[in-house]
N, C-alpha and C. Protein backbone atom coordinates (compact mmCIF):
# COMPACT_ATOMS: atom_id res chain seq x y z
N UNK A 1 -8.13 26.38 -50.15
CA UNK A 1 -9.37 25.98 -50.90
C UNK A 1 -10.42 25.70 -49.96
N UNK A 2 -11.81 26.05 -50.37
CA UNK A 2 -12.81 25.97 -49.52
C UNK A 2 -13.12 24.43 -49.37
N UNK A 3 -13.07 23.52 -50.46
CA UNK A 3 -13.36 22.31 -50.43
C UNK A 3 -12.49 21.39 -49.71
N UNK A 4 -11.01 21.98 -49.68
CA UNK A 4 -10.22 21.33 -48.72
C UNK A 4 -10.54 21.11 -47.29
N UNK A 5 -11.28 22.24 -46.86
CA UNK A 5 -11.58 22.40 -45.58
C UNK A 5 -12.70 21.38 -45.06
N UNK A 6 -13.26 20.84 -45.90
CA UNK A 6 -14.41 19.87 -45.72
C UNK A 6 -13.93 18.33 -45.81
N UNK A 7 -12.59 18.26 -45.93
CA UNK A 7 -11.98 16.96 -45.91
C UNK A 7 -11.25 16.68 -44.79
N UNK A 8 -11.64 15.76 -43.79
CA UNK A 8 -10.98 15.32 -42.52
C UNK A 8 -9.93 14.54 -42.93
N UNK A 9 -8.47 14.76 -42.24
CA UNK A 9 -7.49 14.02 -42.58
C UNK A 9 -7.21 13.45 -41.17
N UNK A 10 -7.31 12.12 -40.85
CA UNK A 10 -7.03 11.51 -39.38
C UNK A 10 -6.25 10.51 -39.49
N UNK A 11 -5.81 10.02 -38.08
CA UNK A 11 -5.26 8.59 -37.85
C UNK A 11 -6.45 7.52 -38.08
N UNK A 12 -6.04 6.63 -38.88
CA UNK A 12 -7.57 5.79 -38.84
C UNK A 12 -7.59 4.60 -37.53
N UNK A 13 -8.78 4.29 -37.72
CA UNK A 13 -9.28 3.27 -36.35
C UNK A 13 -9.87 1.95 -36.88
N UNK A 14 -10.28 1.39 -36.30
CA UNK A 14 -10.97 -0.07 -36.81
C UNK A 14 -12.23 0.22 -37.27
N UNK A 15 -13.05 1.49 -36.90
CA UNK A 15 -14.29 2.10 -37.48
C UNK A 15 -14.06 2.17 -39.00
N UNK A 16 -12.70 2.57 -39.40
CA UNK A 16 -12.72 2.80 -40.64
C UNK A 16 -12.50 1.60 -41.87
N UNK A 17 -12.73 0.35 -41.05
CA UNK A 17 -12.46 -0.63 -42.07
C UNK A 17 -13.45 -0.70 -43.01
N UNK A 18 -14.56 -0.26 -42.80
CA UNK A 18 -15.55 0.07 -43.97
C UNK A 18 -14.95 0.55 -45.32
N UNK A 19 -13.99 1.01 -45.26
CA UNK A 19 -13.35 1.81 -46.37
C UNK A 19 -12.35 1.03 -47.23
N UNK A 20 -12.01 -0.10 -46.58
CA UNK A 20 -10.63 -0.91 -47.07
C UNK A 20 -11.12 -1.12 -48.54
N UNK A 21 -12.12 -1.69 -48.85
CA UNK A 21 -12.19 -2.18 -50.06
C UNK A 21 -12.39 -1.28 -51.06
N UNK A 22 -12.94 -0.08 -50.77
CA UNK A 22 -12.75 1.07 -51.60
C UNK A 22 -11.30 1.38 -51.98
N UNK A 23 -10.67 1.64 -50.91
CA UNK A 23 -9.23 1.82 -50.67
C UNK A 23 -8.43 1.05 -51.73
N UNK A 24 -8.70 -0.18 -51.75
CA UNK A 24 -8.01 -1.19 -52.51
C UNK A 24 -8.37 -1.01 -53.86
N UNK A 25 -9.55 -0.80 -54.10
CA UNK A 25 -10.07 -0.73 -55.60
C UNK A 25 -9.45 0.52 -56.15
N UNK A 26 -9.36 1.77 -55.44
CA UNK A 26 -8.90 3.20 -55.81
C UNK A 26 -7.23 2.77 -56.12
N UNK A 27 -6.62 2.15 -55.46
CA UNK A 27 -5.30 1.97 -55.59
C UNK A 27 -4.94 1.22 -56.94
N UNK A 28 -5.82 0.13 -56.99
CA UNK A 28 -5.64 -0.90 -58.36
C UNK A 28 -5.73 -0.14 -59.58
N UNK A 29 -6.95 1.00 -59.48
CA UNK A 29 -7.33 1.51 -60.52
C UNK A 29 -6.27 2.68 -61.07
N UNK A 30 -5.87 3.19 -59.95
CA UNK A 30 -4.49 4.42 -59.94
C UNK A 30 -3.43 3.67 -60.92
N UNK A 31 -3.15 2.43 -60.40
CA UNK A 31 -1.84 1.82 -60.84
C UNK A 31 -2.40 1.38 -62.38
N UNK A 32 -3.29 0.92 -62.66
CA UNK A 32 -4.02 0.75 -64.15
C UNK A 32 -3.92 1.93 -65.05
N UNK A 33 -3.92 2.99 -64.45
CA UNK A 33 -4.12 4.42 -65.41
C UNK A 33 -2.64 4.79 -65.48
N UNK A 34 -1.93 4.74 -64.46
CA UNK A 34 -0.55 5.19 -64.69
C UNK A 34 0.48 4.14 -65.47
N UNK A 35 -0.14 2.96 -65.30
CA UNK A 35 0.54 2.01 -65.94
C UNK A 35 1.54 1.42 -65.26
N UNK A 36 1.83 1.68 -64.03
CA UNK A 36 2.93 1.62 -63.23
C UNK A 36 2.86 0.19 -62.29
N UNK A 37 3.82 -0.12 -61.67
CA UNK A 37 3.91 -1.28 -60.71
C UNK A 37 3.42 -0.64 -59.48
N UNK A 38 2.56 -1.58 -58.62
CA UNK A 38 2.46 -1.30 -57.19
C UNK A 38 2.21 -2.57 -56.43
N UNK A 39 2.70 -2.61 -55.26
CA UNK A 39 2.57 -3.79 -54.33
C UNK A 39 1.17 -3.78 -53.95
N UNK A 40 0.51 -5.46 -54.06
CA UNK A 40 -0.75 -5.39 -53.70
C UNK A 40 -0.82 -5.76 -52.19
N UNK A 41 -1.83 -5.19 -51.72
CA UNK A 41 -2.07 -5.53 -50.28
C UNK A 41 -3.56 -6.21 -50.02
N UNK A 42 -3.48 -6.94 -49.01
CA UNK A 42 -5.08 -7.68 -48.94
C UNK A 42 -6.08 -6.66 -47.91
N UNK A 43 -7.35 -7.08 -47.78
CA UNK A 43 -8.42 -6.46 -47.00
C UNK A 43 -7.63 -6.36 -45.57
N UNK A 44 -7.26 -7.73 -45.22
CA UNK A 44 -7.04 -7.96 -43.75
C UNK A 44 -5.72 -7.41 -43.35
N UNK A 45 -4.86 -6.94 -44.36
CA UNK A 45 -3.68 -6.34 -44.01
C UNK A 45 -3.81 -4.79 -43.68
N UNK A 46 -4.55 -4.00 -44.56
CA UNK A 46 -5.03 -2.65 -44.26
C UNK A 46 -5.78 -2.65 -43.15
N UNK A 47 -6.89 -3.33 -42.79
CA UNK A 47 -7.49 -3.45 -41.77
C UNK A 47 -6.86 -3.55 -40.47
N UNK A 48 -5.55 -4.23 -40.52
CA UNK A 48 -4.56 -4.46 -39.41
C UNK A 48 -4.05 -3.16 -38.93
N UNK A 49 -3.61 -2.53 -40.11
CA UNK A 49 -3.03 -1.12 -40.05
C UNK A 49 -3.80 -0.23 -39.22
N UNK A 50 -4.98 0.04 -39.67
CA UNK A 50 -5.85 0.91 -38.94
C UNK A 50 -6.05 0.50 -37.63
N UNK A 51 -6.33 -0.79 -37.11
CA UNK A 51 -6.50 -1.25 -35.90
C UNK A 51 -5.34 -0.97 -35.00
N UNK A 52 -4.04 -0.91 -35.74
CA UNK A 52 -2.82 -0.85 -34.95
C UNK A 52 -2.46 0.88 -34.94
N UNK A 53 -3.38 1.63 -35.48
CA UNK A 53 -3.19 3.35 -35.59
C UNK A 53 -1.70 3.47 -36.29
N UNK A 54 -1.70 2.55 -37.57
CA UNK A 54 -0.40 2.84 -38.36
C UNK A 54 -1.11 3.24 -39.77
N UNK A 55 -2.05 3.80 -39.77
CA UNK A 55 -2.72 4.32 -41.14
C UNK A 55 -3.69 5.70 -41.04
N UNK A 56 -3.53 6.40 -42.17
CA UNK A 56 -4.07 7.74 -42.04
C UNK A 56 -5.02 7.79 -43.16
N UNK A 57 -6.55 8.03 -42.85
CA UNK A 57 -7.53 8.40 -44.06
C UNK A 57 -8.01 9.52 -44.05
N UNK A 58 -8.41 10.02 -45.27
CA UNK A 58 -9.00 11.27 -45.41
C UNK A 58 -10.27 10.94 -45.86
N UNK A 59 -11.57 11.77 -45.35
CA UNK A 59 -13.00 11.70 -45.62
C UNK A 59 -13.38 13.06 -45.59
N UNK A 60 -14.43 12.90 -46.70
CA UNK A 60 -15.12 14.09 -46.98
C UNK A 60 -16.24 14.37 -46.08
N UNK A 61 -16.88 15.41 -45.79
CA UNK A 61 -17.91 15.87 -44.81
C UNK A 61 -18.88 14.87 -45.18
N UNK A 62 -19.25 14.15 -46.46
CA UNK A 62 -20.31 13.51 -46.56
C UNK A 62 -19.93 12.06 -46.26
N UNK A 63 -18.97 11.70 -45.81
CA UNK A 63 -18.56 10.43 -45.53
C UNK A 63 -17.71 9.60 -46.69
N UNK A 64 -17.60 10.25 -47.79
CA UNK A 64 -17.01 9.68 -49.15
C UNK A 64 -15.50 9.64 -48.81
N UNK A 65 -14.87 8.45 -49.05
CA UNK A 65 -13.45 8.31 -49.24
C UNK A 65 -12.80 9.05 -49.85
N UNK A 66 -11.58 9.80 -49.51
CA UNK A 66 -11.10 10.64 -50.16
C UNK A 66 -9.31 10.41 -50.22
N UNK A 67 -9.15 9.57 -49.22
CA UNK A 67 -7.25 9.30 -49.43
C UNK A 67 -6.93 8.37 -48.21
N UNK A 68 -5.62 7.93 -48.59
CA UNK A 68 -5.30 6.87 -47.53
C UNK A 68 -3.71 6.78 -47.63
N UNK A 69 -3.18 6.40 -46.67
CA UNK A 69 -1.77 5.84 -46.41
C UNK A 69 -1.37 5.21 -45.21
N UNK A 70 -0.53 4.46 -45.30
CA UNK A 70 -0.47 3.46 -44.16
C UNK A 70 1.29 3.39 -43.72
N UNK A 71 1.49 2.76 -42.37
CA UNK A 71 2.80 2.93 -41.90
C UNK A 71 3.40 1.41 -41.80
N UNK A 72 4.72 1.07 -41.93
CA UNK A 72 5.23 -0.16 -41.69
C UNK A 72 6.56 0.02 -41.00
N UNK A 73 6.86 -0.91 -40.02
CA UNK A 73 8.18 -0.83 -39.56
C UNK A 73 9.03 -2.10 -39.69
N UNK A 74 10.36 -1.91 -39.85
CA UNK A 74 11.31 -3.00 -40.40
C UNK A 74 12.64 -3.19 -39.46
N UNK A 75 12.85 -4.28 -39.19
CA UNK A 75 14.26 -4.34 -38.42
C UNK A 75 14.32 -3.84 -37.06
N UNK A 76 13.27 -4.26 -36.35
CA UNK A 76 13.03 -3.76 -34.91
C UNK A 76 12.97 -2.36 -34.94
N UNK A 77 12.13 -1.92 -35.86
CA UNK A 77 11.76 -0.40 -35.92
C UNK A 77 12.88 0.42 -36.17
N UNK A 78 14.14 -0.07 -36.68
CA UNK A 78 14.97 0.81 -37.28
C UNK A 78 14.58 1.59 -38.32
N UNK A 79 14.03 1.15 -39.19
CA UNK A 79 13.44 1.53 -40.39
C UNK A 79 11.98 1.84 -40.27
N UNK A 80 11.41 2.53 -41.12
CA UNK A 80 9.88 3.11 -41.03
C UNK A 80 9.65 3.33 -42.45
N UNK A 81 8.46 2.89 -43.11
CA UNK A 81 8.04 3.34 -44.34
C UNK A 81 6.65 3.82 -44.28
N UNK A 82 6.49 4.85 -45.19
CA UNK A 82 5.21 5.34 -45.10
C UNK A 82 4.73 5.14 -46.53
N UNK A 83 3.50 4.33 -46.86
CA UNK A 83 3.22 3.78 -48.11
C UNK A 83 1.88 3.88 -48.50
N UNK A 84 1.59 3.13 -49.62
CA UNK A 84 0.22 3.22 -50.05
C UNK A 84 -0.57 4.30 -50.50
N UNK A 85 0.20 5.53 -50.50
CA UNK A 85 -0.73 7.00 -50.71
C UNK A 85 -1.14 6.90 -52.14
N UNK A 86 -2.67 6.96 -51.58
CA UNK A 86 -3.48 7.31 -52.71
C UNK A 86 -4.64 8.27 -52.44
N UNK A 87 -5.23 9.13 -53.51
CA UNK A 87 -6.24 10.04 -53.24
C UNK A 87 -7.23 9.59 -54.27
N UNK A 88 -8.56 9.62 -53.90
CA UNK A 88 -9.52 9.36 -55.02
C UNK A 88 -9.65 10.48 -55.98
N UNK A 89 -9.75 9.89 -57.43
CA UNK A 89 -9.89 10.86 -58.32
C UNK A 89 -10.96 12.23 -58.19
N UNK A 90 -11.94 11.96 -57.13
CA UNK A 90 -12.96 12.99 -57.07
C UNK A 90 -12.19 14.13 -56.00
N UNK A 91 -11.19 13.98 -55.50
CA UNK A 91 -10.59 14.79 -54.63
C UNK A 91 -9.11 15.13 -54.84
N UNK A 92 -8.74 14.97 -55.98
CA UNK A 92 -7.27 15.27 -56.50
C UNK A 92 -7.16 16.72 -56.86
N UNK A 93 -6.01 17.34 -56.50
CA UNK A 93 -5.98 18.90 -56.77
C UNK A 93 -6.28 19.68 -55.70
N UNK A 94 -6.82 19.12 -54.47
CA UNK A 94 -7.23 19.94 -53.27
C UNK A 94 -6.30 20.04 -52.45
N UNK A 95 -4.98 19.29 -52.41
CA UNK A 95 -3.84 19.24 -51.35
C UNK A 95 -4.03 18.03 -50.50
N UNK A 96 -5.05 17.28 -50.90
CA UNK A 96 -5.24 16.13 -49.85
C UNK A 96 -4.09 15.20 -49.70
N UNK A 97 -3.42 14.97 -50.62
CA UNK A 97 -2.02 14.03 -50.62
C UNK A 97 -1.16 14.74 -49.61
N UNK A 98 -0.73 15.99 -49.73
CA UNK A 98 0.20 16.62 -48.85
C UNK A 98 -0.34 16.68 -47.45
N UNK A 99 -1.71 16.53 -47.35
CA UNK A 99 -1.95 16.74 -46.05
C UNK A 99 -2.08 15.09 -45.49
N UNK A 100 -2.40 14.22 -46.01
CA UNK A 100 -2.11 13.04 -45.56
C UNK A 100 -0.47 12.54 -45.31
N UNK A 101 0.44 13.01 -46.39
CA UNK A 101 1.81 12.59 -46.30
C UNK A 101 2.31 13.24 -44.82
N UNK A 102 2.01 14.60 -44.63
CA UNK A 102 2.34 15.41 -43.40
C UNK A 102 2.00 14.57 -42.26
N UNK A 103 0.76 13.97 -42.22
CA UNK A 103 -0.06 13.11 -41.02
C UNK A 103 0.73 12.02 -40.63
N UNK A 104 1.07 11.30 -41.91
CA UNK A 104 1.74 9.87 -41.61
C UNK A 104 3.29 10.03 -41.31
N UNK A 105 3.82 11.07 -41.98
CA UNK A 105 5.22 11.60 -41.31
C UNK A 105 5.39 11.83 -39.91
N UNK A 106 4.30 12.89 -39.64
CA UNK A 106 4.33 13.30 -38.01
C UNK A 106 4.04 11.85 -37.09
N UNK A 107 3.17 10.90 -37.66
CA UNK A 107 2.74 9.72 -36.90
C UNK A 107 3.99 8.75 -36.57
N UNK A 108 4.72 8.56 -37.89
CA UNK A 108 5.88 7.89 -37.93
C UNK A 108 7.08 8.42 -36.83
N UNK A 109 7.28 9.73 -36.95
CA UNK A 109 8.10 10.53 -36.29
C UNK A 109 7.89 10.69 -34.88
N UNK A 110 6.77 10.42 -34.47
CA UNK A 110 6.28 10.42 -33.12
C UNK A 110 6.32 9.22 -32.54
N UNK A 111 6.27 8.17 -33.20
CA UNK A 111 6.00 6.68 -32.60
C UNK A 111 7.53 6.21 -32.77
N UNK A 112 8.29 6.55 -33.77
CA UNK A 112 9.37 5.88 -33.77
C UNK A 112 10.52 7.16 -34.10
N UNK A 113 10.80 7.91 -33.09
CA UNK A 113 11.62 9.23 -33.64
C UNK A 113 13.07 8.92 -33.75
N UNK A 114 13.52 7.63 -33.60
CA UNK A 114 15.11 7.58 -34.16
C UNK A 114 15.11 6.59 -35.42
N UNK A 115 13.98 6.13 -35.79
CA UNK A 115 14.01 5.42 -36.97
C UNK A 115 14.32 6.17 -38.54
N UNK A 116 14.83 5.51 -39.23
CA UNK A 116 15.00 5.95 -40.69
C UNK A 116 13.75 5.73 -41.22
N UNK A 117 13.32 6.78 -42.00
CA UNK A 117 12.09 6.83 -42.79
C UNK A 117 12.15 6.81 -44.16
N UNK A 118 11.68 5.69 -45.02
CA UNK A 118 12.13 5.70 -46.43
C UNK A 118 10.93 5.20 -47.25
N UNK A 119 10.92 5.65 -48.47
CA UNK A 119 9.99 5.74 -49.49
C UNK A 119 10.50 5.24 -50.75
N UNK A 120 9.75 4.25 -51.37
CA UNK A 120 9.87 3.87 -52.80
C UNK A 120 8.77 4.25 -53.56
N UNK A 121 9.07 5.10 -54.73
CA UNK A 121 7.97 5.80 -55.16
C UNK A 121 8.42 6.03 -56.90
N UNK A 122 7.47 5.89 -57.85
CA UNK A 122 7.87 6.23 -59.24
C UNK A 122 7.01 7.62 -59.37
N UNK A 123 6.36 8.31 -58.36
CA UNK A 123 5.41 9.25 -58.77
C UNK A 123 6.18 10.71 -58.32
N UNK A 124 6.14 11.67 -59.41
CA UNK A 124 6.75 12.96 -59.18
C UNK A 124 6.36 13.59 -57.87
N UNK A 125 4.93 13.55 -58.02
CA UNK A 125 4.16 14.33 -56.78
C UNK A 125 4.94 13.61 -55.61
N UNK A 126 4.78 12.70 -55.27
CA UNK A 126 5.42 11.74 -54.04
C UNK A 126 6.70 12.21 -53.87
N UNK A 127 7.78 12.23 -54.85
CA UNK A 127 8.86 12.42 -54.63
C UNK A 127 9.27 14.06 -54.47
N UNK A 128 8.21 15.00 -54.66
CA UNK A 128 8.44 16.20 -54.47
C UNK A 128 8.10 16.40 -53.00
N UNK A 129 6.98 15.88 -52.52
CA UNK A 129 6.50 15.89 -50.86
C UNK A 129 7.58 15.51 -50.02
N UNK A 130 8.23 14.36 -50.54
CA UNK A 130 9.25 13.59 -49.82
C UNK A 130 10.31 14.72 -49.74
N UNK A 131 10.89 15.35 -50.42
CA UNK A 131 12.12 16.36 -50.86
C UNK A 131 11.55 17.44 -49.64
N UNK A 132 10.45 17.95 -49.58
CA UNK A 132 9.88 19.21 -49.08
C UNK A 132 9.87 18.53 -47.35
N UNK A 133 9.87 17.38 -47.25
CA UNK A 133 9.95 16.72 -45.81
C UNK A 133 11.32 16.56 -45.59
N UNK A 134 12.21 16.48 -46.17
CA UNK A 134 13.87 16.35 -45.92
C UNK A 134 14.02 15.07 -46.22
N UNK A 135 13.57 14.28 -47.07
CA UNK A 135 13.99 12.93 -47.77
C UNK A 135 15.17 13.36 -48.57
N UNK A 136 15.96 12.36 -49.06
CA UNK A 136 17.06 12.38 -49.99
C UNK A 136 17.11 11.41 -50.76
N UNK A 137 17.21 11.21 -52.11
CA UNK A 137 17.33 10.22 -52.73
C UNK A 137 18.59 9.65 -52.39
N UNK A 138 18.52 8.25 -52.38
CA UNK A 138 19.41 7.00 -51.83
C UNK A 138 19.44 5.80 -53.10
N UNK A 139 20.49 4.85 -52.78
CA UNK A 139 20.60 4.05 -53.41
C UNK A 139 19.66 2.78 -52.59
N UNK A 140 19.27 1.59 -53.37
CA UNK A 140 18.48 0.61 -52.50
C UNK A 140 19.38 -0.13 -51.75
N UNK A 141 20.52 -0.08 -51.61
CA UNK A 141 21.38 -0.61 -50.67
C UNK A 141 21.37 0.18 -49.20
N UNK A 142 20.74 1.37 -49.34
CA UNK A 142 20.91 2.18 -47.98
C UNK A 142 19.43 2.10 -47.32
N UNK A 143 18.57 1.15 -47.96
CA UNK A 143 17.07 0.81 -47.36
C UNK A 143 17.49 -0.44 -46.50
N UNK A 144 16.17 -0.79 -45.77
CA UNK A 144 16.16 -2.04 -44.97
C UNK A 144 16.80 -3.38 -45.65
N UNK A 145 17.26 -4.21 -44.98
CA UNK A 145 17.63 -5.61 -45.30
C UNK A 145 16.37 -6.62 -45.08
N UNK A 146 15.46 -6.20 -44.41
CA UNK A 146 14.28 -7.31 -44.06
C UNK A 146 13.61 -7.59 -45.22
N UNK A 147 13.77 -8.98 -45.44
CA UNK A 147 13.22 -9.80 -46.64
C UNK A 147 11.84 -9.62 -46.48
N UNK A 148 11.12 -9.51 -45.22
CA UNK A 148 9.68 -9.31 -45.32
C UNK A 148 9.26 -7.70 -46.38
N UNK A 149 10.11 -6.72 -46.11
CA UNK A 149 9.71 -5.50 -47.01
C UNK A 149 10.01 -5.74 -48.63
N UNK A 150 10.97 -6.49 -48.74
CA UNK A 150 11.11 -6.84 -50.21
C UNK A 150 10.20 -7.71 -50.77
N UNK A 151 9.56 -8.55 -50.01
CA UNK A 151 8.49 -9.55 -50.36
C UNK A 151 7.23 -8.81 -50.70
N UNK A 152 6.86 -7.53 -50.36
CA UNK A 152 5.94 -6.77 -50.67
C UNK A 152 5.96 -6.37 -52.02
N UNK A 153 7.09 -6.35 -52.68
CA UNK A 153 7.13 -5.97 -54.23
C UNK A 153 7.00 -7.18 -55.07
N UNK A 154 6.64 -8.18 -54.68
CA UNK A 154 6.48 -9.58 -55.40
C UNK A 154 5.22 -9.28 -56.18
N UNK A 155 4.01 -8.55 -55.89
CA UNK A 155 3.10 -8.08 -56.44
C UNK A 155 3.10 -6.98 -57.50
N UNK A 156 4.21 -6.44 -57.56
CA UNK A 156 4.46 -5.50 -58.70
C UNK A 156 4.82 -5.96 -59.93
N UNK A 157 4.33 -5.25 -60.90
CA UNK A 157 4.62 -5.63 -62.28
C UNK A 157 6.15 -5.54 -62.66
N UNK A 158 6.83 -4.69 -61.92
CA UNK A 158 8.23 -4.61 -62.28
C UNK A 158 9.22 -5.32 -61.43
N UNK A 159 8.69 -6.15 -60.68
CA UNK A 159 9.69 -7.10 -59.69
C UNK A 159 10.70 -7.75 -60.63
N UNK A 160 10.43 -8.16 -61.78
CA UNK A 160 11.63 -8.71 -62.64
C UNK A 160 12.74 -8.05 -62.64
N UNK A 161 12.58 -6.56 -62.71
CA UNK A 161 13.86 -5.82 -62.98
C UNK A 161 14.25 -5.65 -61.48
N UNK A 162 13.68 -5.77 -60.45
CA UNK A 162 14.27 -5.63 -58.98
C UNK A 162 15.17 -6.89 -59.02
N UNK A 163 14.52 -8.02 -59.15
CA UNK A 163 15.29 -9.27 -59.48
C UNK A 163 16.50 -9.40 -60.11
N UNK A 164 16.36 -8.93 -61.47
CA UNK A 164 17.33 -9.04 -62.33
C UNK A 164 18.85 -8.30 -61.61
N UNK A 165 18.17 -7.20 -61.00
CA UNK A 165 19.44 -6.34 -60.80
C UNK A 165 19.90 -6.39 -59.04
N UNK A 166 19.55 -7.61 -58.65
CA UNK A 166 20.05 -8.01 -57.47
C UNK A 166 19.67 -7.04 -56.27
N UNK A 167 18.54 -6.40 -56.57
CA UNK A 167 17.87 -5.27 -55.62
C UNK A 167 18.65 -4.05 -55.59
N UNK A 168 19.34 -3.66 -56.59
CA UNK A 168 20.16 -2.52 -56.77
C UNK A 168 19.44 -1.38 -57.27
N UNK A 169 18.19 -1.69 -58.25
CA UNK A 169 17.44 -0.49 -58.19
C UNK A 169 16.47 -1.22 -59.07
N UNK A 170 15.35 -0.34 -59.34
CA UNK A 170 14.36 -0.61 -60.01
C UNK A 170 13.53 0.77 -60.67
N UNK A 171 12.34 0.46 -61.07
CA UNK A 171 11.68 1.84 -61.70
C UNK A 171 11.50 2.97 -60.49
N UNK A 172 11.09 2.34 -59.46
CA UNK A 172 10.89 3.18 -58.21
C UNK A 172 12.11 4.17 -57.83
N UNK A 173 12.07 5.19 -57.26
CA UNK A 173 13.17 5.95 -56.59
C UNK A 173 13.21 5.77 -55.03
N UNK A 174 14.39 5.51 -54.56
CA UNK A 174 14.41 5.17 -52.92
C UNK A 174 14.95 6.57 -52.52
N UNK A 175 14.04 7.09 -51.61
CA UNK A 175 14.23 8.17 -50.78
C UNK A 175 14.27 7.72 -49.25
N UNK A 176 15.04 8.38 -48.68
CA UNK A 176 15.55 8.32 -47.28
C UNK A 176 15.32 9.63 -46.33
N UNK A 177 14.75 9.62 -45.24
CA UNK A 177 14.88 10.47 -44.34
C UNK A 177 15.40 10.24 -42.93
N UNK A 178 16.45 10.75 -42.58
CA UNK A 178 17.19 10.67 -41.45
C UNK A 178 16.81 11.58 -40.27
N UNK A 179 16.33 10.94 -39.04
CA UNK A 179 15.52 11.71 -38.03
C UNK A 179 15.93 13.28 -37.73
N UNK A 180 15.01 13.88 -37.78
CA UNK A 180 15.29 15.32 -37.24
C UNK A 180 14.00 15.75 -36.36
N UNK A 181 13.85 16.66 -35.72
CA UNK A 181 12.89 17.28 -34.65
C UNK A 181 11.43 17.85 -35.37
N UNK A 182 11.69 18.24 -36.84
CA UNK A 182 10.72 18.65 -37.34
C UNK A 182 9.28 17.68 -37.74
N UNK A 183 8.19 18.65 -37.25
CA UNK A 183 6.96 17.61 -37.28
C UNK A 183 6.12 18.40 -38.05
N UNK A 184 5.72 18.08 -39.22
CA UNK A 184 4.61 19.24 -39.86
C UNK A 184 3.32 19.19 -39.46
N UNK A 185 2.95 18.10 -38.76
CA UNK A 185 1.34 18.22 -38.38
C UNK A 185 1.29 17.46 -36.94
N UNK A 186 0.37 17.99 -36.17
CA UNK A 186 0.26 17.79 -34.67
C UNK A 186 -0.67 16.38 -34.54
N UNK A 187 -0.20 15.31 -33.68
CA UNK A 187 -0.76 14.28 -33.50
C UNK A 187 -1.64 14.52 -32.27
N UNK A 188 -3.03 14.22 -32.37
CA UNK A 188 -4.00 14.69 -31.14
C UNK A 188 -3.57 13.78 -29.92
N UNK A 189 -3.90 14.61 -28.92
CA UNK A 189 -3.75 13.91 -27.71
C UNK A 189 -4.64 12.43 -27.43
N UNK A 190 -5.58 12.60 -28.04
CA UNK A 190 -6.40 11.17 -27.98
C UNK A 190 -5.85 9.96 -28.56
N UNK A 191 -5.02 10.39 -30.00
CA UNK A 191 -4.46 9.35 -30.53
C UNK A 191 -3.18 8.86 -30.10
N UNK A 192 -2.49 9.88 -29.30
CA UNK A 192 -1.42 9.45 -28.54
C UNK A 192 -1.66 8.53 -27.44
N UNK A 193 -2.77 8.52 -26.61
CA UNK A 193 -3.12 7.88 -25.58
C UNK A 193 -3.50 6.53 -26.22
N UNK A 194 -4.16 6.52 -27.35
CA UNK A 194 -4.35 5.14 -28.07
C UNK A 194 -3.12 4.53 -28.31
N UNK A 195 -2.19 4.95 -28.86
CA UNK A 195 -1.04 4.71 -29.09
C UNK A 195 -0.33 4.00 -28.03
N UNK A 196 -0.09 4.64 -26.77
CA UNK A 196 0.53 4.37 -25.45
C UNK A 196 -0.31 2.91 -25.30
N UNK A 197 -1.51 2.80 -25.31
CA UNK A 197 -2.42 1.87 -24.79
C UNK A 197 -2.06 0.46 -25.82
N UNK A 198 -2.07 0.75 -27.09
CA UNK A 198 -1.54 -0.33 -27.79
C UNK A 198 -0.05 -0.86 -27.59
N UNK A 199 0.78 0.09 -27.27
CA UNK A 199 2.16 -0.19 -26.92
C UNK A 199 2.17 -1.18 -25.66
N UNK A 200 1.46 -0.81 -24.63
CA UNK A 200 1.25 -1.40 -23.27
C UNK A 200 0.74 -2.79 -23.54
N UNK A 201 -0.18 -3.12 -24.40
CA UNK A 201 -0.61 -4.27 -24.87
C UNK A 201 0.30 -5.17 -25.54
N UNK A 202 1.22 -4.51 -26.27
CA UNK A 202 2.34 -5.27 -27.07
C UNK A 202 3.24 -5.80 -25.99
N UNK A 203 3.48 -5.16 -24.84
CA UNK A 203 4.40 -5.29 -23.99
C UNK A 203 4.17 -6.46 -22.87
N UNK A 204 2.73 -6.42 -22.85
CA UNK A 204 2.33 -7.59 -21.91
C UNK A 204 1.71 -8.76 -22.74
């Protein structure tokens, strides 16, 4: 689509923090429209993801926010999640979600090639994209046991179901990807250099 080519999908940096409040508002509105739960995140949380090269943002040629997703790691980087996938209503139906999903997946596979990547979602479109990337439906028992991850569900309207079932299941479907060598999108060399710099800072 012609319009799709006018939307840049890139690994976010600190310069994109100006979009964080718009991202949070878009996520909240989408959850309200769907009537489904969603884990709430703070401005500081998403800004940090951008600073750490753990987020992907889509921007229109005129600078308007088009979409977003972020990455988190768990259990000493044994597990990775790509979360918070959202596309602004003005840009839906243009393939933006798939492009964001491909880049977050490639970013996760590049940075943590041996990690298991998992997703909790109640959206059919995300399930379809996950399946195309090689994710498979699993039980919640197959996911990370990291309490920090599960605390992220506290802001969801369906958390009572999760608690009543002792974290065995909820409204969301759990999907898991076991590592392979397939990378659907290329991470630019400049971003790889930035990631190496961040990792060196962490080691020091």
